[in-house]
PDB file of all heavy atoms in Angstrom:
ATOM      1  N   GLY A   1       0.836  -1.211   0.015  1.00  0.00           N
ATOM      2  CA  GLY A   1      -0.011   0.069  -0.050  1.00  0.00           C
ATOM      3  C   GLY A   1       0.836   1.232  -0.023  1.00  0.00           C
ATOM      4  O   GLY A   1       2.110   1.129   0.218  1.00  0.00           O
ATOM      5  N   ILE A   2       0.171   2.401  -0.230  1.00  0.00           N
ATOM      6  CA  ILE A   2       0.951   3.738  -0.291  1.00  0.00           C
ATOM      7  C   ILE A   2       0.243   4.646   0.633  1.00  0.00           C
ATOM      8  O   ILE A   2      -1.024   4.637   0.807  1.00  0.00           O
ATOM      9  CB  ILE A   2       0.978   4.314  -1.683  1.00  0.00           C
ATOM     10  CG1 ILE A   2      -0.431   4.519  -2.342  1.00  0.00           C
ATOM     11  CG2 ILE A   2       1.831   3.384  -2.510  1.00  0.00           C
ATOM     12  CD1 ILE A   2      -0.422   5.231  -3.622  1.00  0.00           C
ATOM     13  N   ASN A   3       1.002   5.450   1.301  1.00  0.00           N
ATOM     14  CA  ASN A   3       0.490   6.577   2.164  1.00  0.00           C
ATOM     15  C   ASN A   3       0.698   7.912   1.412  1.00  0.00           C
ATOM     16  O   ASN A   3       1.813   8.252   1.081  1.00  0.00           O
ATOM     17  CB  ASN A   3       1.182   6.607   3.468  1.00  0.00           C
ATOM     18  CG  ASN A   3       0.613   7.706   4.443  1.00  0.00           C
ATOM     19  OD1 ASN A   3      -0.356   8.380   4.064  1.00  0.00           O
ATOM     20  ND2 ASN A   3       1.134   7.742   5.617  1.00  0.00           N
ATOM     21  N   ILE A   4      -0.435   8.496   1.001  1.00  0.00           N
ATOM     22  CA  ILE A   4      -0.344   9.784   0.174  1.00  0.00           C
ATOM     23  C   ILE A   4      -0.469  10.923   1.113  1.00  0.00           C
ATOM     24  O   ILE A   4      -1.423  11.046   1.936  1.00  0.00           O
ATOM     25  CB  ILE A   4      -1.519   9.747  -0.854  1.00  0.00           C
ATOM     26  CG1 ILE A   4      -1.382   8.518  -1.786  1.00  0.00           C
ATOM     27  CG2 ILE A   4      -1.476  11.056  -1.589  1.00  0.00           C
ATOM     28  CD1 ILE A   4      -2.551   8.290  -2.640  1.00  0.00           C
ATOM     29  N   LYS A   5       0.370  11.815   1.035  1.00  0.00           N
ATOM     30  CA  LYS A   5       0.400  13.072   1.772  1.00  0.00           C
ATOM     31  C   LYS A   5       0.479  14.267   0.827  1.00  0.00           C
ATOM     32  O   LYS A   5       1.315  14.366  -0.014  1.00  0.00           O
ATOM     33  CB  LYS A   5       1.490  13.150   2.814  1.00  0.00           C
ATOM     34  CG  LYS A   5       1.444  12.026   3.902  1.00  0.00           C
ATOM     35  CD  LYS A   5       2.617  12.136   4.875  1.00  0.00           C
ATOM     36  CE  LYS A   5       2.390  11.032   5.899  1.00  0.00           C
ATOM     37  NZ  LYS A   5       3.560  11.056   6.892  1.00  0.00           N
ATOM     38  N   LEU A   6      -0.462  15.294   1.032  1.00  0.00           N
ATOM     39  CA  LEU A   6      -0.497  16.402   0.049  1.00  0.00           C
ATOM     40  C   LEU A   6       0.712  17.163   0.007  1.00  0.00           C
ATOM     41  O   LEU A   6       1.120  17.653  -1.013  1.00  0.00           O
ATOM     42  CB  LEU A   6      -1.768  17.253   0.420  1.00  0.00           C
ATOM     43  CG  LEU A   6      -3.105  16.641   0.378  1.00  0.00           C
ATOM     44  CD1 LEU A   6      -4.179  17.649   0.612  1.00  0.00           C
ATOM     45  CD2 LEU A   6      -3.397  15.867  -0.878  1.00  0.00           C
ATOM     46  N   MET A   7       1.402  17.315   1.180  1.00  0.00           N
ATOM     47  CA  MET A   7       2.674  18.074   1.280  1.00  0.00           C
ATOM     48  C   MET A   7       3.802  17.422   0.543  1.00  0.00           C
ATOM     49  O   MET A   7       4.714  18.079   0.146  1.00  0.00           O
ATOM     50  CB  MET A   7       3.011  18.340   2.746  1.00  0.00           C
ATOM     51  CG  MET A   7       2.078  19.135   3.458  1.00  0.00           C
ATOM     52  SD  MET A   7       1.790  20.865   2.851  1.00  0.00           S
ATOM     53  CE  MET A   7       0.003  20.803   2.592  1.00  0.00           C
ATOM     54  N   LYS A   8       3.669  16.162   0.261  1.00  0.00           N
ATOM     55  CA  LYS A   8       4.725  15.518  -0.557  1.00  0.00           C
ATOM     56  C   LYS A   8       4.388  15.397  -1.939  1.00  0.00           C
ATOM     57  O   LYS A   8       5.291  15.363  -2.814  1.00  0.00           O
ATOM     58  CB  LYS A   8       5.079  14.078   0.064  1.00  0.00           C
ATOM     59  CG  LYS A   8       5.583  14.040   1.461  1.00  0.00           C
ATOM     60  CD  LYS A   8       6.120  12.562   1.822  1.00  0.00           C
ATOM     61  CE  LYS A   8       5.066  11.494   1.633  1.00  0.00           C
ATOM     62  NZ  LYS A   8       5.608  10.192   2.009  1.00  0.00           N
ATOM     63  N   CYS A   9       3.127  15.256  -2.289  1.00  0.00           N
ATOM     64  CA  CYS A   9       2.799  14.944  -3.728  1.00  0.00           C
ATOM     65  C   CYS A   9       2.359  16.093  -4.588  1.00  0.00           C
ATOM     66  O   CYS A   9       2.060  15.941  -5.668  1.00  0.00           O
ATOM     67  CB  CYS A   9       1.624  13.834  -3.710  1.00  0.00           C
ATOM     68  SG  CYS A   9      -0.019  14.385  -3.352  1.00  0.00           S
ATOM     69  N   THR A  10       2.342  17.267  -3.941  1.00  0.00           N
ATOM     70  CA  THR A  10       2.020  18.626  -4.537  1.00  0.00           C
ATOM     71  C   THR A  10       0.537  18.936  -4.592  1.00  0.00           C
ATOM     72  O   THR A  10       0.063  19.915  -5.148  1.00  0.00           O
ATOM     73  CB  THR A  10       2.526  18.723  -6.060  1.00  0.00           C
ATOM     74  OG1 THR A  10       1.829  17.991  -6.894  1.00  0.00           O
ATOM     75  CG2 THR A  10       4.032  18.461  -6.018  1.00  0.00           C
ATOM     76  N   GLY A  11      -0.258  18.062  -3.896  1.00  0.00           N
ATOM     77  CA  GLY A  11      -1.720  18.521  -3.766  1.00  0.00           C
ATOM     78  C   GLY A  11      -2.732  17.549  -4.180  1.00  0.00           C
ATOM     79  O   GLY A  11      -2.399  16.310  -4.515  1.00  0.00           O
ATOM     80  N   LEU A  12      -3.933  17.888  -4.253  1.00  0.00           N
ATOM     81  CA  LEU A  12      -5.222  17.078  -4.533  1.00  0.00           C
ATOM     82  C   LEU A  12      -5.157  16.521  -5.878  1.00  0.00           C
ATOM     83  O   LEU A  12      -5.514  15.378  -6.089  1.00  0.00           O
ATOM     84  CB  LEU A  12      -6.434  18.023  -4.320  1.00  0.00           C
ATOM     85  CG  LEU A  12      -6.631  18.302  -2.871  1.00  0.00           C
ATOM     86  CD1 LEU A  12      -7.689  19.478  -2.754  1.00  0.00           C
ATOM     87  CD2 LEU A  12      -7.075  17.145  -2.014  1.00  0.00           C
ATOM     88  N   ALA A  13      -4.792  17.269  -6.944  1.00  0.00           N
ATOM     89  CA  ALA A  13      -4.824  16.792  -8.237  1.00  0.00           C
ATOM     90  C   ALA A  13      -3.949  15.584  -8.464  1.00  0.00           C
ATOM     91  O   ALA A  13      -4.420  14.537  -9.019  1.00  0.00           O
ATOM     92  CB  ALA A  13      -4.488  17.871  -9.266  1.00  0.00           C
ATOM     93  N   GLU A  14      -2.667  15.696  -7.981  1.00  0.00           N
ATOM     94  CA  GLU A  14      -1.757  14.598  -8.061  1.00  0.00           C
ATOM     95  C   GLU A  14      -2.184  13.502  -7.115  1.00  0.00           C
ATOM     96  O   GLU A  14      -2.049  12.200  -7.500  1.00  0.00           O
ATOM     97  CB  GLU A  14      -0.294  14.951  -7.772  1.00  0.00           C
ATOM     98  CG  GLU A  14       0.721  13.873  -7.881  1.00  0.00           C
ATOM     99  CD  GLU A  14       1.852  14.233  -8.889  1.00  0.00           C
ATOM    100  OE1 GLU A  14       1.600  15.190  -9.645  1.00  0.00           O
ATOM    101  OE2 GLU A  14       2.827  13.517  -8.842  1.00  0.00           O
ATOM    102  N   ALA A  15      -2.700  13.735  -5.909  1.00  0.00           N
ATOM    103  CA  ALA A  15      -3.121  12.672  -5.044  1.00  0.00           C
ATOM    104  C   ALA A  15      -4.254  11.889  -5.709  1.00  0.00           C
ATOM    105  O   ALA A  15      -4.237  10.649  -5.517  1.00  0.00           O
ATOM    106  CB  ALA A  15      -3.675  13.312  -3.758  1.00  0.00           C
ATOM    107  N   ARG A  16      -5.146  12.366  -6.389  1.00  0.00           N
ATOM    108  CA  ARG A  16      -6.230  11.609  -7.110  1.00  0.00           C
ATOM    109  C   ARG A  16      -5.556  10.699  -8.138  1.00  0.00           C
ATOM    110  O   ARG A  16      -6.007   9.511  -8.264  1.00  0.00           O
ATOM    111  CB  ARG A  16      -7.226  12.586  -7.763  1.00  0.00           C
ATOM    112  CG  ARG A  16      -8.074  13.348  -6.636  1.00  0.00           C
ATOM    113  CD  ARG A  16      -9.193  14.153  -7.307  1.00  0.00           C
ATOM    114  NE  ARG A  16     -10.221  13.189  -7.830  1.00  0.00           N
ATOM    115  CZ  ARG A  16     -11.030  13.525  -8.857  1.00  0.00           C
ATOM    116  NH1 ARG A  16     -10.906  14.653  -9.503  1.00  0.00           N
ATOM    117  NH2 ARG A  16     -11.882  12.598  -9.215  1.00  0.00           N
ATOM    118  N   LYS A  17      -4.619  11.157  -8.857  1.00  0.00           N
ATOM    119  CA  LYS A  17      -3.982  10.336  -9.814  1.00  0.00           C
ATOM    120  C   LYS A  17      -3.264   9.124  -9.099  1.00  0.00           C
ATOM    121  O   LYS A  17      -3.244   7.949  -9.632  1.00  0.00           O
ATOM    122  CB  LYS A  17      -2.975  11.114 -10.589  1.00  0.00           C
ATOM    123  CG  LYS A  17      -3.609  12.234 -11.503  1.00  0.00           C
ATOM    124  CD  LYS A  17      -2.555  13.079 -12.185  1.00  0.00           C
ATOM    125  CE  LYS A  17      -3.253  14.209 -12.931  1.00  0.00           C
ATOM    126  NZ  LYS A  17      -2.239  15.159 -13.639  1.00  0.00           N
ATOM    127  N   MET A  18      -2.651   9.447  -7.941  1.00  0.00           N
ATOM    128  CA  MET A  18      -1.991   8.324  -7.268  1.00  0.00           C
ATOM    129  C   MET A  18      -2.919   7.289  -6.763  1.00  0.00           C
ATOM    130  O   MET A  18      -2.619   6.091  -6.734  1.00  0.00           O
ATOM    131  CB  MET A  18      -1.142   8.911  -6.078  1.00  0.00           C
ATOM    132  CG  MET A  18      -0.004   9.796  -6.529  1.00  0.00           C
ATOM    133  SD  MET A  18       0.841  10.750  -5.191  1.00  0.00           S
ATOM    134  CE  MET A  18       1.757   9.401  -4.405  1.00  0.00           C
ATOM    135  N   ILE A  19      -4.130   7.720  -6.267  1.00  0.00           N
ATOM    136  CA  ILE A  19      -5.143   6.753  -5.780  1.00  0.00           C
ATOM    137  C   ILE A  19      -5.602   5.856  -6.997  1.00  0.00           C
ATOM    138  O   ILE A  19      -5.661   4.622  -6.867  1.00  0.00           O
ATOM    139  CB  ILE A  19      -6.341   7.534  -5.269  1.00  0.00           C
ATOM    140  CG1 ILE A  19      -5.988   8.228  -3.976  1.00  0.00           C
ATOM    141  CG2 ILE A  19      -7.537   6.574  -5.063  1.00  0.00           C
ATOM    142  CD1 ILE A  19      -7.094   9.205  -3.466  1.00  0.00           C
ATOM    143  N   ASP A  20      -5.760   6.481  -8.162  1.00  0.00           N
ATOM    144  CA  ASP A  20      -6.139   5.712  -9.390  1.00  0.00           C
ATOM    145  C   ASP A  20      -5.087   4.703  -9.702  1.00  0.00           C
ATOM    146  O   ASP A  20      -5.402   3.528 -10.061  1.00  0.00           O
ATOM    147  CB  ASP A  20      -6.491   6.661 -10.511  1.00  0.00           C
ATOM    148  CG  ASP A  20      -7.637   7.458 -10.362  1.00  0.00           C
ATOM    149  OD1 ASP A  20      -8.511   7.104  -9.553  1.00  0.00           O
ATOM    150  OD2 ASP A  20      -7.851   8.414 -10.999  1.00  0.00           O
ATOM    151  N   TRP A  21      -3.857   5.081  -9.635  1.00  0.00           N
ATOM    152  CA  TRP A  21      -2.718   4.172  -9.981  1.00  0.00           C
ATOM    153  C   TRP A  21      -2.753   2.991  -9.006  1.00  0.00           C
ATOM    154  O   TRP A  21      -2.546   1.799  -9.380  1.00  0.00           O
ATOM    155  CB  TRP A  21      -1.389   4.908 -10.015  1.00  0.00           C
ATOM    156  CG  TRP A  21      -0.265   3.987 -10.407  1.00  0.00           C
ATOM    157  CD1 TRP A  21       0.317   3.987 -11.645  1.00  0.00           C
ATOM    158  CD2 TRP A  21       0.563   3.154  -9.502  1.00  0.00           C
ATOM    159  NE1 TRP A  21       1.416   3.042 -11.657  1.00  0.00           N
ATOM    160  CE2 TRP A  21       1.526   2.563 -10.336  1.00  0.00           C
ATOM    161  CE3 TRP A  21       0.494   2.822  -8.137  1.00  0.00           C
ATOM    162  CZ2 TRP A  21       2.460   1.647  -9.884  1.00  0.00           C
ATOM    163  CZ3 TRP A  21       1.398   1.903  -7.709  1.00  0.00           C
ATOM    164  CH2 TRP A  21       2.416   1.294  -8.516  1.00  0.00           C
ATOM    165  N   ALA A  22      -2.793   3.360  -7.740  1.00  0.00           N
ATOM    166  CA  ALA A  22      -2.748   2.296  -6.690  1.00  0.00           C
ATOM    167  C   ALA A  22      -3.911   1.240  -6.861  1.00  0.00           C
ATOM    168  O   ALA A  22      -3.721   0.018  -6.791  1.00  0.00           O
ATOM    169  CB  ALA A  22      -2.870   2.801  -5.269  1.00  0.00           C
ATOM    170  N   ARG A  23      -5.056   1.813  -7.156  1.00  0.00           N
ATOM    171  CA  ARG A  23      -6.185   0.850  -7.358  1.00  0.00           C
ATOM    172  C   ARG A  23      -6.039  -0.035  -8.703  1.00  0.00           C
ATOM    173  O   ARG A  23      -6.308  -1.242  -8.674  1.00  0.00           O
ATOM    174  CB  ARG A  23      -7.524   1.684  -7.562  1.00  0.00           C
ATOM    175  CG  ARG A  23      -7.930   2.441  -6.309  1.00  0.00           C
ATOM    176  CD  ARG A  23      -7.997   1.558  -5.068  1.00  0.00           C
ATOM    177  NE  ARG A  23      -8.516   2.221  -4.011  1.00  0.00           N
ATOM    178  CZ  ARG A  23      -8.357   1.789  -2.663  1.00  0.00           C
ATOM    179  NH1 ARG A  23      -7.695   0.597  -2.383  1.00  0.00           N
ATOM    180  NH2 ARG A  23      -8.966   2.364  -1.683  1.00  0.00           N
ATOM    181  N   ALA A  24      -5.368   0.557  -9.668  1.00  0.00           N
ATOM    182  CA  ALA A  24      -5.107  -0.219 -10.874  1.00  0.00           C
ATOM    183  C   ALA A  24      -4.141  -1.337 -10.645  1.00  0.00           C
ATOM    184  O   ALA A  24      -4.232  -2.409 -11.194  1.00  0.00           O
ATOM    185  CB  ALA A  24      -4.653   0.724 -11.981  1.00  0.00           C
ATOM    186  N   GLU A  25      -3.239  -1.095  -9.671  1.00  0.00           N
ATOM    187  CA  GLU A  25      -2.258  -2.134  -9.259  1.00  0.00           C
ATOM    188  C   GLU A  25      -2.633  -3.022  -8.087  1.00  0.00           C
ATOM    189  O   GLU A  25      -1.856  -3.732  -7.569  1.00  0.00           O
ATOM    190  CB  GLU A  25      -0.886  -1.492  -8.982  1.00  0.00           C
ATOM    191  CG  GLU A  25      -0.288  -0.717 -10.198  1.00  0.00           C
ATOM    192  CD  GLU A  25       0.082  -1.687 -11.330  1.00  0.00           C
ATOM    193  OE1 GLU A  25       0.260  -2.846 -11.095  1.00  0.00           O
ATOM    194  OE2 GLU A  25       0.190  -1.218 -12.468  1.00  0.00           O
TER     195      GLU A  25
END
């Protein structure tokens, strides 16, 4: 699993893409 933090990933737009990637994998 992955822990997504807005302060590391640059915000909500990128966080949503990371969620989609994790679900696909």
